Structures are given as C-alpha cells and as structure tokens.
Amino acid sequence: MLEEMRYRLGKKEKPVLSDDVYEQLNRDLTLAWQNHQEVEIRYYHDGYARFTFGTIRKLDFTNREVILSTYERLKAEDIIGLNVL
C-alpha cells in the first residue's frame, strides 16, 4: 500500500513539446531509422518519463508507432526525447 502511494505521488504531467521539438524528433527518428543507428528514446508512460534503447526496426505511420529491434512498440506521441548513440 505504501509503495502504491509513493508511485502515485511521484507521477508528473506529460511535458508539452513545441512544434520545433516535434520536427527535430521526427528528423532524428527518420535519420536513425534510415542509417540503422542505435538510439536511446525517452518516453512518457503512466505519469513517468522512461528510457529505452535499440535500433529502429520500423516506423509505423498508420498506427503512429515506433517499433524497436527489441520489438518494443512506442506510441509516437509518447516520445519526448531521442539521443543517437
């Protein structure tokens, strides 16, 4: 019960990104996908910013998802940062 309360109290709102940041994320995602580069992606999930890494296997424009080499699926609107490794 205490763990659940700590979890709920630590939640934060999703950061609001500007249009410029979205454009830069889009360019970086596309370049990393085309060049088969490994990336570290920061994304928002359930009140927390989380990190994952891998190479981009597929950019699914229909479902607006990024699929990594680990077969992890991230919604494009949840991505808040990207570093090319």
C-alpha atoms as a PDB file:
ATOM      1  CA  MET A   1       0.000   0.000   0.000  1.00  0.00           C
ATOM      2  CA  LEU A   2       2.845   2.394   0.822  1.00  0.00           C
ATOM      3  CA  GLU A   3       4.567   1.549  -2.462  1.00  0.00           C
ATOM      4  CA  GLU A   4       1.374   2.322  -4.379  1.00  0.00           C
ATOM      5  CA  MET A   5       1.049   5.700  -2.647  1.00  0.00           C
ATOM      6  CA  ARG A   6       4.678   6.564  -3.469  1.00  0.00           C
ATOM      7  CA  TYR A   7       4.065   5.566  -7.070  1.00  0.00           C
ATOM      8  CA  ARG A   8       1.007   7.808  -7.375  1.00  0.00           C
ATOM      9  CA  LEU A   9       2.652  10.761  -5.632  1.00  0.00           C
ATOM     10  CA  GLY A  10       5.668  10.609  -7.963  1.00  0.00           C
ATOM     11  CA  LYS A  11       3.604  10.967 -11.124  1.00  0.00           C
ATOM     12  CA  LYS A  12       4.041  14.072 -13.248  1.00  0.00           C
ATOM     13  CA  GLU A  13       2.168  15.542 -16.173  1.00  0.00           C
ATOM     14  CA  LYS A  14       3.365  14.839 -19.676  1.00  0.00           C
ATOM     15  CA  PRO A  15       5.718  17.575 -20.876  1.00  0.00           C
ATOM     16  CA  VAL A  16       4.356  19.767 -23.650  1.00  0.00           C
ATOM     17  CA  LEU A  17       6.759  19.898 -26.610  1.00  0.00           C
ATOM     18  CA  SER A  18       6.891  22.739 -29.100  1.00  0.00           C
ATOM     19  CA  ASP A  19       6.371  22.235 -32.821  1.00  0.00           C
ATOM     20  CA  ASP A  20      10.095  22.766 -33.394  1.00  0.00           C
ATOM     21  CA  VAL A  21      10.966  19.967 -30.980  1.00  0.00           C
ATOM     22  CA  TYR A  22       8.468  17.633 -32.685  1.00  0.00           C
ATOM     23  CA  GLU A  23      10.022  18.419 -36.064  1.00  0.00           C
ATOM     24  CA  GLN A  24      13.526  17.740 -34.736  1.00  0.00           C
ATOM     25  CA  LEU A  25      12.385  14.447 -33.155  1.00  0.00           C
ATOM     26  CA  ASN A  26      10.818  13.439 -36.469  1.00  0.00           C
ATOM     27  CA  ARG A  27      14.018  14.229 -38.392  1.00  0.00           C
ATOM     28  CA  ASP A  28      16.192  12.406 -35.851  1.00  0.00           C
ATOM     29  CA  LEU A  29      13.918   9.335 -35.837  1.00  0.00           C
ATOM     30  CA  THR A  30      13.889   9.175 -39.627  1.00  0.00           C
ATOM     31  CA  LEU A  31      17.663   9.558 -39.943  1.00  0.00           C
ATOM     32  CA  ALA A  32      18.343   6.967 -37.233  1.00  0.00           C
ATOM     33  CA  TRP A  33      15.961   4.542 -38.957  1.00  0.00           C
ATOM     34  CA  GLN A  34      17.499   5.085 -42.412  1.00  0.00           C
ATOM     35  CA  ASN A  35      21.068   4.725 -41.110  1.00  0.00           C
ATOM     36  CA  HIS A  36      20.302   1.774 -38.771  1.00  0.00           C
ATOM     37  CA  GLN A  37      21.708   3.660 -35.791  1.00  0.00           C
ATOM     38  CA  GLU A  38      21.147   2.704 -32.183  1.00  0.00           C
ATOM     39  CA  VAL A  39      19.086   5.234 -30.244  1.00  0.00           C
ATOM     40  CA  GLU A  40      18.094   5.975 -26.686  1.00  0.00           C
ATOM     41  CA  ILE A  41      14.470   7.083 -26.541  1.00  0.00           C
ATOM     42  CA  ARG A  42      12.936   8.959 -23.649  1.00  0.00           C
ATOM     43  CA  TYR A  43       9.188   8.476 -23.494  1.00  0.00           C
ATOM     44  CA  TYR A  44       6.281   9.249 -21.202  1.00  0.00           C
ATOM     45  CA  HIS A  45       4.258   6.413 -19.718  1.00  0.00           C
ATOM     46  CA  ASP A  46       1.768   6.422 -16.851  1.00  0.00           C
ATOM     47  CA  GLY A  47       3.000   9.621 -15.234  1.00  0.00           C
ATOM     48  CA  TYR A  48       6.716   8.911 -15.539  1.00  0.00           C
ATOM     49  CA  ALA A  49       9.484   9.566 -18.059  1.00  0.00           C
ATOM     50  CA  ARG A  50      11.142   6.285 -19.021  1.00  0.00           C
ATOM     51  CA  PHE A  51      14.089   5.310 -21.191  1.00  0.00           C
ATOM     52  CA  THR A  52      14.670   2.517 -23.665  1.00  0.00           C
ATOM     53  CA  PHE A  53      17.201   1.847 -26.369  1.00  0.00           C
ATOM     54  CA  GLY A  54      17.676  -0.159 -29.545  1.00  0.00           C
ATOM     55  CA  THR A  55      17.702   0.300 -33.283  1.00  0.00           C
ATOM     56  CA  ILE A  56      14.532   1.390 -35.011  1.00  0.00           C
ATOM     57  CA  ARG A  57      13.073  -1.610 -36.794  1.00  0.00           C
ATOM     58  CA  LYS A  58      10.054   0.124 -38.285  1.00  0.00           C
ATOM     59  CA  LEU A  59       8.259   3.446 -38.314  1.00  0.00           C
ATOM     60  CA  ASP A  60       4.557   2.577 -38.479  1.00  0.00           C
ATOM     61  CA  PHE A  61       2.903   5.690 -39.887  1.00  0.00           C
ATOM     62  CA  THR A  62      -0.577   4.128 -39.891  1.00  0.00           C
ATOM     63  CA  ASN A  63      -0.620   3.419 -36.149  1.00  0.00           C
ATOM     64  CA  ARG A  64       1.840   6.220 -35.309  1.00  0.00           C
ATOM     65  CA  GLU A  65       4.241   3.819 -33.594  1.00  0.00           C
ATOM     66  CA  VAL A  66       7.977   3.297 -33.453  1.00  0.00           C
ATOM     67  CA  ILE A  67       8.991  -0.368 -33.323  1.00  0.00           C
ATOM     68  CA  LEU A  68      12.455  -1.093 -31.949  1.00  0.00           C
ATOM     69  CA  SER A  69      14.808  -4.022 -32.562  1.00  0.00           C
ATOM     70  CA  THR A  70      13.671  -5.346 -29.175  1.00  0.00           C
ATOM     71  CA  TYR A  71      10.114  -5.443 -30.640  1.00  0.00           C
ATOM     72  CA  GLU A  72       9.078  -2.782 -28.147  1.00  0.00           C
ATOM     73  CA  ARG A  73       6.320  -0.555 -29.539  1.00  0.00           C
ATOM     74  CA  LEU A  74       6.205   3.096 -28.579  1.00  0.00           C
ATOM     75  CA  LYS A  75       3.429   5.491 -29.492  1.00  0.00           C
ATOM     76  CA  ALA A  76       4.902   8.441 -31.387  1.00  0.00           C
ATOM     77  CA  GLU A  77       3.038  10.953 -29.232  1.00  0.00           C
ATOM     78  CA  ASP A  78       4.636   9.493 -26.071  1.00  0.00           C
ATOM     79  CA  ILE A  79       8.214  10.136 -27.230  1.00  0.00           C
ATOM     80  CA  ILE A  80       9.701  13.184 -25.507  1.00  0.00           C
ATOM     81  CA  GLY A  81      13.401  12.819 -26.344  1.00  0.00           C
ATOM     82  CA  LEU A  82      15.879  10.985 -28.540  1.00  0.00           C
ATOM     83  CA  ASN A  83      19.650  10.503 -28.468  1.00  0.00           C
ATOM     84  CA  VAL A  84      21.534   8.798 -31.271  1.00  0.00           C
ATOM     85  CA  LEU A  85      24.217   6.561 -29.747  1.00  0.00           C
END
